[in-house]
Amino acid sequence: MGCEITIVKEDGYVGVHATGELDLVAARQIAVAGRKAAVEHQCGKLLIDVRDVALRLSLADLLAVADFASQLEPRLYIKAAVVSREEDLQPDRFFEKAARNRGVHLTVFTAAEAAVQWLLEK
């Protein structure tokens, strides 16, 4: 089935919405698409919405995505909020911690409103 990615410039942030199946390849594509959109729109705030995907990522895959995101070029500051379904959150917020430990400014939310509020904070 694959994963479809939609990019929308919102007021103060760039929205990245994914549908379909989210596997390691698709997760890397989302990271690249988000970085590219941030550069194109000159906006360092991303809202990545993965609530409409079927999650196909192991813990090892999540670690690989965190590594991949931390090494994307160009190196620039991006604040990213990931919106996920509650049932897709890992114990102890594994992905969020792995990404942050690699220097990625990312927080995972289950409510889009809270994610937007966090993104737009000074």
N, C-alpha and C. Protein backbone atom coordinates (compact mmCIF):
# COMPACT_ATOMS: atom_id res chain seq x y z
N MET A 1 0.82 -1.19 0.00
CA MET A 1 0.00 0.00 0.00
C MET A 1 0.86 1.25 0.00
N GLY A 2 1.90 1.34 0.80
CA GLY A 2 2.77 2.49 0.83
C GLY A 2 2.24 3.61 1.70
N CYS A 3 2.94 4.72 1.67
CA CYS A 3 2.60 5.87 2.49
C CYS A 3 2.49 7.09 1.59
N GLU A 4 1.45 7.88 1.79
CA GLU A 4 1.26 9.11 1.04
C GLU A 4 1.50 10.28 1.98
N ILE A 5 2.26 11.27 1.51
CA ILE A 5 2.63 12.41 2.33
C ILE A 5 2.07 13.68 1.71
N THR A 6 1.41 14.50 2.53
CA THR A 6 0.88 15.79 2.09
C THR A 6 1.55 16.87 2.94
N ILE A 7 2.03 17.91 2.26
CA ILE A 7 2.68 19.05 2.93
C ILE A 7 1.79 20.27 2.77
N VAL A 8 1.53 20.98 3.88
CA VAL A 8 0.72 22.19 3.85
C VAL A 8 1.40 23.25 4.71
N LYS A 9 1.55 24.45 4.17
CA LYS A 9 2.09 25.57 4.95
C LYS A 9 0.95 26.18 5.74
N GLU A 10 1.08 26.14 7.05
CA GLU A 10 0.09 26.72 7.95
C GLU A 10 0.66 28.02 8.52
N ASP A 11 -0.13 28.72 9.30
CA ASP A 11 0.32 29.96 9.91
C ASP A 11 1.28 29.65 11.06
N GLY A 12 2.58 29.80 10.83
CA GLY A 12 3.58 29.60 11.87
C GLY A 12 4.27 28.26 11.85
N TYR A 13 3.83 27.34 11.01
CA TYR A 13 4.46 26.02 10.93
C TYR A 13 4.13 25.34 9.61
N VAL A 14 4.85 24.27 9.34
CA VAL A 14 4.59 23.45 8.15
C VAL A 14 3.97 22.15 8.62
N GLY A 15 2.85 21.78 8.01
CA GLY A 15 2.17 20.54 8.35
C GLY A 15 2.56 19.42 7.40
N VAL A 16 2.89 18.27 7.96
CA VAL A 16 3.22 17.08 7.19
C VAL A 16 2.22 16.01 7.63
N HIS A 17 1.37 15.57 6.71
CA HIS A 17 0.34 14.58 7.04
C HIS A 17 0.61 13.30 6.25
N ALA A 18 0.61 12.18 6.95
CA ALA A 18 0.88 10.89 6.31
C ALA A 18 -0.34 9.98 6.41
N THR A 19 -0.58 9.23 5.35
CA THR A 19 -1.62 8.22 5.35
C THR A 19 -1.04 6.94 4.74
N GLY A 20 -1.68 5.82 5.01
CA GLY A 20 -1.21 4.54 4.46
C GLY A 20 -0.47 3.73 5.50
N GLU A 21 0.59 3.06 5.06
CA GLU A 21 1.40 2.24 5.96
C GLU A 21 2.73 2.93 6.24
N LEU A 22 3.07 3.00 7.51
CA LEU A 22 4.30 3.66 7.92
C LEU A 22 5.33 2.61 8.33
N ASP A 23 6.26 2.37 7.41
CA ASP A 23 7.38 1.47 7.70
C ASP A 23 8.65 2.31 7.73
N LEU A 24 9.80 1.65 7.83
CA LEU A 24 11.07 2.36 7.93
C LEU A 24 11.32 3.27 6.73
N VAL A 25 11.07 2.77 5.54
CA VAL A 25 11.29 3.56 4.32
C VAL A 25 10.39 4.79 4.33
N ALA A 26 9.12 4.61 4.65
CA ALA A 26 8.18 5.73 4.68
C ALA A 26 8.54 6.74 5.76
N ALA A 27 8.97 6.27 6.91
CA ALA A 27 9.36 7.18 8.00
C ALA A 27 10.54 8.04 7.57
N ARG A 28 11.49 7.45 6.88
CA ARG A 28 12.62 8.24 6.36
C ARG A 28 12.15 9.25 5.32
N GLN A 29 11.19 8.85 4.48
CA GLN A 29 10.65 9.77 3.48
C GLN A 29 9.96 10.95 4.14
N ILE A 30 9.25 10.70 5.23
CA ILE A 30 8.59 11.78 5.96
C ILE A 30 9.63 12.74 6.53
N ALA A 31 10.70 12.21 7.10
CA ALA A 31 11.76 13.05 7.66
C ALA A 31 12.38 13.93 6.57
N VAL A 32 12.66 13.35 5.42
CA VAL A 32 13.25 14.11 4.31
C VAL A 32 12.26 15.15 3.79
N ALA A 33 11.00 14.75 3.60
CA ALA A 33 9.99 15.68 3.09
C ALA A 33 9.78 16.84 4.06
N GLY A 34 9.76 16.55 5.35
CA GLY A 34 9.61 17.61 6.35
C GLY A 34 10.77 18.58 6.33
N ARG A 35 11.98 18.05 6.28
CA ARG A 35 13.17 18.91 6.23
C ARG A 35 13.15 19.78 4.98
N LYS A 36 12.83 19.17 3.84
CA LYS A 36 12.79 19.90 2.57
C LYS A 36 11.73 21.01 2.64
N ALA A 37 10.56 20.71 3.18
CA ALA A 37 9.49 21.71 3.28
C ALA A 37 9.89 22.85 4.22
N ALA A 38 10.58 22.51 5.32
CA ALA A 38 11.04 23.55 6.25
C ALA A 38 11.99 24.51 5.55
N VAL A 39 12.88 23.97 4.74
CA VAL A 39 13.83 24.81 4.00
C VAL A 39 13.09 25.66 2.96
N GLU A 40 12.22 25.02 2.19
CA GLU A 40 11.50 25.74 1.12
C GLU A 40 10.64 26.87 1.68
N HIS A 41 9.98 26.64 2.81
CA HIS A 41 9.09 27.63 3.39
C HIS A 41 9.79 28.52 4.43
N GLN A 42 11.08 28.30 4.61
CA GLN A 42 11.87 29.05 5.59
C GLN A 42 11.15 29.08 6.94
N CYS A 43 10.76 27.89 7.38
CA CYS A 43 10.01 27.74 8.63
C CYS A 43 10.58 26.56 9.40
N GLY A 44 11.08 26.80 10.58
CA GLY A 44 11.72 25.76 11.37
C GLY A 44 10.79 25.01 12.30
N LYS A 45 9.49 25.04 12.03
CA LYS A 45 8.54 24.34 12.90
C LYS A 45 7.71 23.39 12.06
N LEU A 46 7.74 22.12 12.44
CA LEU A 46 7.02 21.07 11.71
C LEU A 46 6.00 20.38 12.58
N LEU A 47 4.82 20.16 12.04
CA LEU A 47 3.80 19.33 12.68
C LEU A 47 3.66 18.08 11.80
N ILE A 48 4.09 16.94 12.32
CA ILE A 48 4.06 15.69 11.57
C ILE A 48 2.92 14.84 12.12
N ASP A 49 1.88 14.68 11.33
CA ASP A 49 0.68 13.97 11.77
C ASP A 49 0.68 12.56 11.18
N VAL A 50 0.82 11.57 12.06
CA VAL A 50 0.83 10.17 11.63
C VAL A 50 -0.34 9.39 12.24
N ARG A 51 -1.41 10.09 12.57
CA ARG A 51 -2.57 9.42 13.16
C ARG A 51 -3.32 8.55 12.16
N ASP A 52 -3.16 8.83 10.86
CA ASP A 52 -3.89 8.09 9.83
C ASP A 52 -3.04 7.05 9.12
N VAL A 53 -2.04 6.52 9.82
CA VAL A 53 -1.20 5.48 9.23
C VAL A 53 -1.35 4.19 10.01
N ALA A 54 -1.06 3.10 9.33
CA ALA A 54 -0.92 1.80 9.99
C ALA A 54 0.57 1.68 10.32
N LEU A 55 0.89 1.68 11.59
CA LEU A 55 2.28 1.69 12.03
C LEU A 55 2.93 0.31 11.84
N ARG A 56 4.03 0.27 11.11
CA ARG A 56 4.77 -0.96 10.84
C ARG A 56 6.25 -0.77 11.21
N LEU A 57 6.48 -0.21 12.40
CA LEU A 57 7.85 0.10 12.83
C LEU A 57 8.17 -0.66 14.12
N SER A 58 9.29 -1.36 14.10
CA SER A 58 9.79 -2.02 15.32
C SER A 58 10.57 -0.99 16.13
N LEU A 59 10.95 -1.37 17.34
CA LEU A 59 11.80 -0.47 18.14
C LEU A 59 13.12 -0.20 17.44
N ALA A 60 13.68 -1.21 16.79
CA ALA A 60 14.93 -1.02 16.03
C ALA A 60 14.71 -0.02 14.89
N ASP A 61 13.56 -0.11 14.22
CA ASP A 61 13.23 0.85 13.16
C ASP A 61 13.12 2.26 13.71
N LEU A 62 12.47 2.41 14.86
CA LEU A 62 12.32 3.73 15.47
C LEU A 62 13.68 4.34 15.81
N LEU A 63 14.58 3.51 16.30
CA LEU A 63 15.93 3.97 16.59
C LEU A 63 16.63 4.40 15.29
N ALA A 64 16.44 3.64 14.24
CA ALA A 64 17.04 3.98 12.94
C ALA A 64 16.48 5.29 12.40
N VAL A 65 15.19 5.53 12.59
CA VAL A 65 14.58 6.79 12.14
C VAL A 65 15.15 7.96 12.94
N ALA A 66 15.31 7.79 14.24
CA ALA A 66 15.89 8.85 15.07
C ALA A 66 17.32 9.16 14.61
N ASP A 67 18.11 8.12 14.34
CA ASP A 67 19.48 8.32 13.82
C ASP A 67 19.44 9.07 12.49
N PHE A 68 18.58 8.62 11.60
CA PHE A 68 18.46 9.21 10.27
C PHE A 68 18.09 10.69 10.38
N ALA A 69 17.09 11.01 11.18
CA ALA A 69 16.63 12.40 11.32
C ALA A 69 17.73 13.30 11.88
N SER A 70 18.55 12.75 12.75
CA SER A 70 19.61 13.57 13.36
C SER A 70 20.74 13.89 12.38
N GLN A 71 20.80 13.16 11.27
CA GLN A 71 21.90 13.34 10.32
C GLN A 71 21.49 14.03 9.03
N LEU A 72 20.24 14.47 8.94
CA LEU A 72 19.77 15.10 7.71
C LEU A 72 20.49 16.42 7.46
N GLU A 73 20.75 16.68 6.22
CA GLU A 73 21.34 17.94 5.78
C GLU A 73 20.27 18.73 5.03
N PRO A 74 20.28 20.03 4.97
CA PRO A 74 21.25 20.85 5.67
C PRO A 74 20.97 20.87 7.17
N ARG A 75 22.02 21.06 7.93
CA ARG A 75 21.89 21.14 9.38
C ARG A 75 21.26 22.47 9.73
N LEU A 76 20.05 22.42 10.23
CA LEU A 76 19.39 23.63 10.67
C LEU A 76 18.45 23.27 11.81
N TYR A 77 18.12 24.27 12.60
CA TYR A 77 17.28 24.04 13.76
C TYR A 77 15.84 23.84 13.32
N ILE A 78 15.28 22.72 13.70
CA ILE A 78 13.87 22.44 13.44
C ILE A 78 13.24 21.94 14.73
N LYS A 79 12.09 22.50 15.04
CA LYS A 79 11.28 22.05 16.18
C LYS A 79 10.14 21.23 15.57
N ALA A 80 10.07 19.96 15.95
CA ALA A 80 9.09 19.07 15.34
C ALA A 80 8.14 18.49 16.39
N ALA A 81 6.86 18.54 16.08
CA ALA A 81 5.84 17.91 16.91
C ALA A 81 5.26 16.77 16.09
N VAL A 82 5.27 15.58 16.65
CA VAL A 82 4.68 14.42 16.00
C VAL A 82 3.35 14.14 16.68
N VAL A 83 2.29 14.02 15.90
CA VAL A 83 0.98 13.70 16.46
C VAL A 83 0.67 12.25 16.08
N SER A 84 0.47 11.44 17.11
CA SER A 84 0.27 10.00 16.94
C SER A 84 -0.97 9.56 17.71
N ARG A 85 -1.46 8.38 17.40
CA ARG A 85 -2.56 7.81 18.18
C ARG A 85 -1.98 7.28 19.49
N GLU A 86 -2.77 7.35 20.53
CA GLU A 86 -2.36 6.87 21.85
C GLU A 86 -1.86 5.43 21.79
N GLU A 87 -2.55 4.58 21.06
CA GLU A 87 -2.18 3.15 21.00
C GLU A 87 -0.87 2.90 20.26
N ASP A 88 -0.38 3.90 19.52
CA ASP A 88 0.88 3.75 18.80
C ASP A 88 2.09 4.26 19.58
N LEU A 89 1.85 4.88 20.74
CA LEU A 89 2.97 5.35 21.56
C LEU A 89 3.71 4.15 22.16
N GLN A 90 5.01 4.22 22.18
CA GLN A 90 5.81 3.16 22.76
C GLN A 90 5.96 3.38 24.26
N PRO A 91 6.26 2.29 24.98
CA PRO A 91 6.52 2.45 26.42
C PRO A 91 7.64 3.47 26.64
N ASP A 92 7.45 4.32 27.61
CA ASP A 92 8.44 5.34 27.98
C ASP A 92 8.78 6.29 26.83
N ARG A 93 7.87 6.41 25.85
CA ARG A 93 8.06 7.35 24.73
C ARG A 93 9.42 7.13 24.07
N PHE A 94 9.68 5.90 23.71
CA PHE A 94 10.98 5.48 23.19
C PHE A 94 11.47 6.35 22.03
N PHE A 95 10.62 6.56 21.02
CA PHE A 95 11.06 7.32 19.85
C PHE A 95 11.42 8.75 20.21
N GLU A 96 10.59 9.38 21.02
CA GLU A 96 10.86 10.76 21.44
C GLU A 96 12.20 10.85 22.15
N LYS A 97 12.46 9.94 23.07
CA LYS A 97 13.72 9.95 23.82
C LYS A 97 14.90 9.66 22.90
N ALA A 98 14.75 8.70 21.99
CA ALA A 98 15.84 8.36 21.07
C ALA A 98 16.18 9.56 20.19
N ALA A 99 15.16 10.24 19.67
CA ALA A 99 15.40 11.40 18.82
C ALA A 99 16.06 12.53 19.60
N ARG A 100 15.55 12.83 20.79
CA ARG A 100 16.13 13.90 21.60
C ARG A 100 17.57 13.59 21.99
N ASN A 101 17.85 12.33 22.29
CA ASN A 101 19.22 11.94 22.64
C ASN A 101 20.19 12.13 21.48
N ARG A 102 19.66 12.26 20.29
CA ARG A 102 20.48 12.47 19.09
C ARG A 102 20.44 13.92 18.62
N GLY A 103 19.88 14.79 19.44
CA GLY A 103 19.88 16.22 19.13
C GLY A 103 18.70 16.71 18.32
N VAL A 104 17.70 15.88 18.12
CA VAL A 104 16.51 16.29 17.37
C VAL A 104 15.51 16.91 18.36
N HIS A 105 15.07 18.13 18.10
CA HIS A 105 14.11 18.81 18.98
C HIS A 105 12.72 18.35 18.57
N LEU A 106 12.24 17.31 19.23
CA LEU A 106 11.00 16.65 18.84
C LEU A 106 10.23 16.23 20.09
N THR A 107 8.92 16.41 20.03
CA THR A 107 8.04 15.93 21.09
C THR A 107 6.86 15.23 20.42
N VAL A 108 6.39 14.13 21.03
CA VAL A 108 5.27 13.37 20.50
C VAL A 108 4.02 13.72 21.30
N PHE A 109 2.93 13.95 20.59
CA PHE A 109 1.64 14.30 21.17
C PHE A 109 0.56 13.36 20.67
N THR A 110 -0.56 13.33 21.36
CA THR A 110 -1.72 12.59 20.88
C THR A 110 -2.85 13.55 20.50
N ALA A 111 -2.67 14.83 20.75
CA ALA A 111 -3.66 15.85 20.39
C ALA A 111 -3.00 16.91 19.52
N ALA A 112 -3.58 17.15 18.36
CA ALA A 112 -3.00 18.14 17.43
C ALA A 112 -2.99 19.54 18.04
N GLU A 113 -4.01 19.88 18.79
CA GLU A 113 -4.08 21.22 19.39
C GLU A 113 -2.90 21.46 20.33
N ALA A 114 -2.58 20.46 21.16
CA ALA A 114 -1.44 20.58 22.07
C ALA A 114 -0.13 20.67 21.30
N ALA A 115 -0.03 19.93 20.20
CA ALA A 115 1.18 19.96 19.39
C ALA A 115 1.39 21.34 18.77
N VAL A 116 0.33 21.93 18.22
CA VAL A 116 0.43 23.25 17.63
C VAL A 116 0.78 24.29 18.69
N GLN A 117 0.16 24.20 19.85
CA GLN A 117 0.45 25.14 20.93
C GLN A 117 1.94 25.07 21.30
N TRP A 118 2.48 23.85 21.43
CA TRP A 118 3.89 23.66 21.77
C TRP A 118 4.79 24.23 20.66
N LEU A 119 4.42 23.97 19.41
CA LEU A 119 5.24 24.48 18.30
C LEU A 119 5.31 26.00 18.29
N LEU A 120 4.21 26.64 18.58
CA LEU A 120 4.15 28.10 18.47
C LEU A 120 4.64 28.83 19.70
N GLU A 121 4.99 28.09 20.76
CA GLU A 121 5.57 28.73 21.94
C GLU A 121 6.89 29.39 21.56
N LYS A 122 7.21 30.44 22.25
CA LYS A 122 8.50 31.12 22.01
C LYS A 122 9.63 30.34 22.63
